[in-house]
Amino acid sequence: MTNTDEWLIAIAAGRAVGISTSATPSNHMHPSLIHRPLADAPAVPAILAWRDGAVHPTVPDLLALARQVIAAGGPTRG
């Protein structure tokens, strides 16, 4: 398997199982799959990245928002 879509097709076909982040079901829908949260799973680190040099004008806003979320204790887990 070379990408997330192929992995999800393998799971839907009964050839695989998987654990992923909560972003997977919203970014890679598959009608045959059911996604369930793992309540006791550890948090997944997130990394912000942008190219060196001239950056998009909203990068400072994104950094400020990320710092706000981290200072507030991060997003809530459901």
Protein backbone atom coordinates (compact mmCIF):
# COMPACT_ATOMS: atom_id res chain seq x y z
CA MET A 1 0.00 0.00 0.00
CA THR A 2 1.35 3.36 -0.96
CA ASN A 3 -1.21 5.80 0.42
CA THR A 4 -4.08 6.25 2.86
CA ASP A 5 -6.78 5.52 0.30
CA GLU A 6 -5.22 2.15 -0.58
CA TRP A 7 -4.90 1.32 3.12
CA LEU A 8 -8.56 2.14 3.73
CA ILE A 9 -9.61 0.00 0.74
CA ALA A 10 -7.60 -2.90 2.21
CA ILE A 11 -9.36 -2.42 5.57
CA ALA A 12 -12.78 -2.30 3.85
CA ALA A 13 -11.92 -5.52 2.00
CA GLY A 14 -11.05 -7.27 5.26
CA ARG A 15 -7.32 -7.53 4.47
CA ALA A 16 -6.14 -5.07 7.11
CA VAL A 17 -7.02 -3.16 10.26
CA GLY A 18 -5.63 0.13 11.41
CA ILE A 19 -5.27 2.90 13.91
CA SER A 20 -4.94 6.47 12.71
CA THR A 21 -5.50 10.02 13.86
CA SER A 22 -8.93 11.60 14.11
CA ALA A 23 -8.19 13.46 10.86
CA THR A 24 -8.46 10.30 8.74
CA PRO A 25 -12.25 9.91 8.67
CA SER A 26 -12.81 13.56 7.78
CA ASN A 27 -10.13 13.62 5.08
CA HIS A 28 -10.50 10.10 3.65
CA MET A 29 -14.10 8.92 3.73
CA HIS A 30 -14.99 5.32 2.90
CA PRO A 31 -18.63 4.18 3.10
CA SER A 32 -17.77 0.68 4.31
CA LEU A 33 -15.74 1.74 7.34
CA ILE A 34 -16.71 2.63 10.87
CA HIS A 35 -14.34 4.80 12.87
CA ARG A 36 -14.32 4.55 16.67
CA PRO A 37 -12.28 6.74 19.03
CA LEU A 38 -9.67 5.11 21.26
CA ALA A 39 -10.40 6.86 24.55
CA ASP A 40 -7.10 5.94 26.21
CA ALA A 41 -4.84 6.52 23.21
CA PRO A 42 -1.97 8.97 23.70
CA ALA A 43 -2.06 12.38 22.06
CA VAL A 44 -0.43 12.64 18.64
CA PRO A 45 2.19 15.37 18.23
CA ALA A 46 1.40 18.01 15.63
CA ILE A 47 4.04 19.89 13.69
CA LEU A 48 3.60 23.18 11.84
CA ALA A 49 5.70 23.61 8.73
CA TRP A 50 6.20 26.32 6.14
CA ARG A 51 8.83 27.05 3.54
CA ASP A 52 11.91 29.07 4.35
CA GLY A 53 12.04 32.62 3.09
CA ALA A 54 8.92 34.52 2.03
CA VAL A 55 5.92 33.04 3.82
CA HIS A 56 2.19 33.31 3.34
CA PRO A 57 0.91 36.48 5.03
CA THR A 58 -1.28 34.50 7.45
CA VAL A 59 1.53 32.33 8.87
CA PRO A 60 1.93 34.69 11.88
CA ASP A 61 -1.82 34.35 12.57
CA LEU A 62 -1.56 30.55 12.40
CA LEU A 63 1.37 30.59 14.82
CA ALA A 64 -0.54 32.84 17.22
CA LEU A 65 -3.56 30.52 17.10
CA ALA A 66 -1.38 27.45 17.70
CA ARG A 67 0.23 29.14 20.70
CA GLN A 68 -3.24 30.03 22.05
CA VAL A 69 -4.43 26.43 21.73
CA ILE A 70 -1.30 25.09 23.42
CA ALA A 71 -1.54 27.65 26.25
CA ALA A 72 -5.18 26.68 26.81
CA GLY A 73 -4.25 23.02 27.19
CA GLY A 74 -4.87 21.91 23.63
CA PRO A 75 -8.05 20.79 21.90
CA THR A 76 -10.61 18.78 23.85
CA ARG A 77 -10.79 15.06 23.24
CA GLY A 78 -14.18 13.45 22.85
